[in-house]
């Protein structure tokens, strides 16, 4: 079969986001795995609000809530609804304010699309350095928007303390391996150029709580009330499908991958047909590996931050 050649012309920042629309493989319709992780953090978010919201009898005004994810659909509404309900209960003795939600390392020549033990140590350091830079920029931007004493809840797929970044990247490492297997098949069959496989990298880093704490303290705009790692979350085991229907499970998994990665994969390959084939292979493999998917645990690093005040840096 003739190799499909293409050129990627769009910068990563222009396509790094969830798949839009409302089709079967859109993020809005295929993000149940992410919703399960959102639900897992709900009790911690509610408790953080109850314990850290400073309320006064004349608070009034507008209470603004923002979700800085890059997806579409009901997941954002679930988070915002949790926050609104928790704040309303916190204001039971005061006037409830009006709420406002905003308007709508490349290491080339490697078949690994993500951080792994096959990379040189410098690659892992480069991923951490980029995460430090990006998360710091995120904190600075949020500090400009939040009022003094404003609260922010952060939830990130991550890893346990004390684990080496090159060896354990949690669910993201498993996801990356499935993408690698699909790339390998397409390259072996002559559908995709080997260079396209070796130059593709997933732009994500799963931090541990120590790394998050270090960056927050170094940036300096927020008081870190807590940071912890949640374990025992099995997002795939809660996917709604009929037992025994392997093909249905495979299709659901393929759509979940497409919702998260289709934009960057299609831009990298520059070919819609190759992109469709890659996610089809992921789905076929998932239909065989149902038990492995169902046993995969996700770890989330969650943190609650409060914007420092002008006259009180500990707020």
Foldseek 3Di string as FASTA:
>chain_A
DAADADDQDDDCVVQQAFADDDDCLACQNQVLLVLLVLVVCLVVVLVCCLVQDDDDQPPEEEDEDEDPHRGDHCSVVVVVVSVLVSVCVSQVVHDDYHYDYDPDQFPFPDLQQEQAPVDDPVSLVVLLVVVLVVVLVVVVVVLVVDDAFDKDKDKFFADEPPDDQRHDGAPVNVVRVLLSVLVVVCCVVNHHPPRLSRRHHDNDGHYYQVSVVVSCVVSQFKAWPDKDKDKDRQSLLPDDDDPPPLLVSLVSVLSNCCRNPVRVSCSSRVDPVSSVSSSNSSSVVCSVVVVVSRPGMIMMMMTMIGGHDPVGSND
